[in-house]
C-alpha atoms as a PDB file:
ATOM      1  CA  MET A   1      86.353  93.890 101.717  1.00  0.00           C
ATOM      2  CA  ARG A   2      89.555  94.878  99.660  1.00  0.00           C
ATOM      3  CA  LEU A   3      91.349  98.073 100.079  1.00  0.00           C
ATOM      4  CA  THR A   4      94.534  98.816  98.112  1.00  0.00           C
ATOM      5  CA  GLY A   5      96.723 101.858  98.098  1.00  0.00           C
ATOM      6  CA  VAL A   6      93.537 104.178  99.752  1.00  0.00           C
ATOM      7  CA  ILE A   7      94.274 107.112 101.463  1.00  0.00           C
ATOM      8  CA  VAL A   8      91.951 108.386 103.944  1.00  0.00           C
ATOM      9  CA  ARG A   9      92.136 112.394 104.713  1.00  0.00           C
ATOM     10  CA  ASN A  10      89.801 113.616 107.595  1.00  0.00           C
ATOM     11  CA  ALA A  11      89.573 115.227 110.717  1.00  0.00           C
ATOM     12  CA  GLY A  12      89.175 111.540 112.507  1.00  0.00           C
ATOM     13  CA  VAL A  13      88.870 111.154 116.223  1.00  0.00           C
ATOM     14  CA  ASP A  14      88.346 114.218 118.617  1.00  0.00           C
ATOM     15  CA  TRP A  15      91.319 113.669 120.861  1.00  0.00           C
ATOM     16  CA  ALA A  16      89.858 116.193 123.245  1.00  0.00           C
ATOM     17  CA  ALA A  17      86.483 115.014 123.703  1.00  0.00           C
ATOM     18  CA  PRO A  18      85.703 114.221 127.687  1.00  0.00           C
ATOM     19  CA  GLY A  19      83.656 110.985 126.854  1.00  0.00           C
ATOM     20  CA  ASN A  20      86.190 109.221 124.902  1.00  0.00           C
ATOM     21  CA  CYS A  21      86.485 105.533 126.709  1.00  0.00           C
ATOM     22  CA  TYR A  22      89.345 104.193 124.404  1.00  0.00           C
ATOM     23  CA  TRP A  23      89.260 100.478 125.548  1.00  0.00           C
ATOM     24  CA  ARG A  24      85.798 100.542 124.949  1.00  0.00           C
ATOM     25  CA  HIS A  25      86.388 101.770 121.665  1.00  0.00           C
ATOM     26  CA  GLN A  26      84.052 104.547 122.118  1.00  0.00           C
ATOM     27  CA  VAL A  27      85.450 107.760 120.775  1.00  0.00           C
ATOM     28  CA  ALA A  28      84.021 110.847 119.462  1.00  0.00           C
ATOM     29  CA  ARG A  29      84.651 111.074 116.375  1.00  0.00           C
ATOM     30  CA  ARG A  30      84.748 114.445 114.026  1.00  0.00           C
ATOM     31  CA  GLU A  31      84.496 112.835 110.469  1.00  0.00           C
ATOM     32  CA  ALA A  32      85.230 109.051 109.442  1.00  0.00           C
ATOM     33  CA  ALA A  33      85.217 106.890 106.609  1.00  0.00           C
ATOM     34  CA  ARG A  34      82.482 104.066 106.863  1.00  0.00           C
ATOM     35  CA  VAL A  35      81.894 101.382 104.657  1.00  0.00           C
ATOM     36  CA  VAL A  36      78.429  99.247 105.511  1.00  0.00           C
ATOM     37  CA  LEU A  37      78.336  95.627 103.780  1.00  0.00           C
ATOM     38  CA  HIS A  38      74.719  94.257 104.073  1.00  0.00           C
ATOM     39  CA  GLY A  39      74.513  90.619 103.640  1.00  0.00           C
ATOM     40  CA  GLN A  40      77.086  89.014 101.466  1.00  0.00           C
ATOM     41  CA  ALA A  41      77.874  92.566  99.865  1.00  0.00           C
ATOM     42  CA  GLU A  42      81.757  93.088  98.380  1.00  0.00           C
ATOM     43  CA  PHE A  43      83.416  96.719  98.591  1.00  0.00           C
ATOM     44  CA  GLU A  44      86.504  96.855  96.485  1.00  0.00           C
ATOM     45  CA  ALA A  45      88.520 100.450  96.205  1.00  0.00           C
ATOM     46  CA  SER A  46      91.889 100.897  94.856  1.00  0.00           C
ATOM     47  CA  HIS A  47      94.078 103.898  94.305  1.00  0.00           C
ATOM     48  CA  VAL A  48      92.040 106.428  95.724  1.00  0.00           C
ATOM     49  CA  VAL A  49      91.497 109.265  98.512  1.00  0.00           C
ATOM     50  CA  LEU A  50      88.787 109.192 100.670  1.00  0.00           C
ATOM     51  CA  SER A  51      88.147 112.857 102.073  1.00  0.00           C
ATOM     52  CA  GLY A  52      85.597 114.080 104.526  1.00  0.00           C
ATOM     53  CA  ASP A  53      83.080 112.161 106.644  1.00  0.00           C
ATOM     54  CA  GLN A  54      81.686 109.861 103.930  1.00  0.00           C
ATOM     55  CA  THR A  55      79.489 106.230 104.298  1.00  0.00           C
ATOM     56  CA  PHE A  56      79.701 103.722 101.543  1.00  0.00           C
ATOM     57  CA  GLU A  57      76.817 101.369 101.572  1.00  0.00           C
ATOM     58  CA  ALA A  58      77.066  98.062  99.447  1.00  0.00           C
ATOM     59  CA  ARG A  59      74.086  95.690  99.288  1.00  0.00           C
ATOM     60  CA  ALA A  60      74.193  92.129  98.649  1.00  0.00           C
ATOM     61  CA  PRO A  61      73.034  91.059  95.117  1.00  0.00           C
ATOM     62  CA  ALA A  62      69.722  89.613  94.662  1.00  0.00           C
ATOM     63  CA  ALA A  63      69.345  86.568  94.781  1.00  0.00           C
ATOM     64  CA  ARG A  64      68.902  84.474  91.092  1.00  0.00           C
ATOM     65  CA  PRO A  65      66.648  81.608  90.727  1.00  0.00           C
ATOM     66  CA  PRO A  66      68.796  78.774  89.532  1.00  0.00           C
ATOM     67  CA  ALA A  67      69.409  77.945  85.947  1.00  0.00           C
ATOM     68  CA  LEU A  68      67.266  75.328  84.446  1.00  0.00           C
ATOM     69  CA  SER A  69      69.518  72.259  83.464  1.00  0.00           C
ATOM     70  CA  SER A  70      70.039  71.938  79.790  1.00  0.00           C
ATOM     71  CA  ARG A  71      68.742  68.158  79.558  1.00  0.00           C
ATOM     72  CA  TYR A  72      65.347  69.889  80.228  1.00  0.00           C
ATOM     73  CA  ALA A  73      65.865  72.810  77.067  1.00  0.00           C
ATOM     74  CA  GLY A  74      63.222  72.101  74.667  1.00  0.00           C
ATOM     75  CA  LYS A  75      61.234  69.384  75.971  1.00  0.00           C
ATOM     76  CA  CYS A  76      58.706  71.360  77.791  1.00  0.00           C
ATOM     77  CA  SER A  77      57.434  75.066  76.170  1.00  0.00           C
ATOM     78  CA  SER A  78      57.164  76.111  79.588  1.00  0.00           C
ATOM     79  CA  LEU A  79      60.565  75.682  80.452  1.00  0.00           C
ATOM     80  CA  ALA A  80      62.478  76.693  77.376  1.00  0.00           C
END
């Protein structure tokens, strides 16, 4: 994940919530900017403002079968 010049504007943490336990990173949030990466996914944002409660999900690209070697090209009609 690469964030360059990104500004987050939201209500953030509810500092007055009675159940906040900071050392366990258990805090009540009014709003949050979340980025969820699945598998080998990547996320890049540059010079944008993220406002309010937002979630961005990035999925890994589908696996591609290996390319056929050029030495087999034209040898067999099923490989061409």
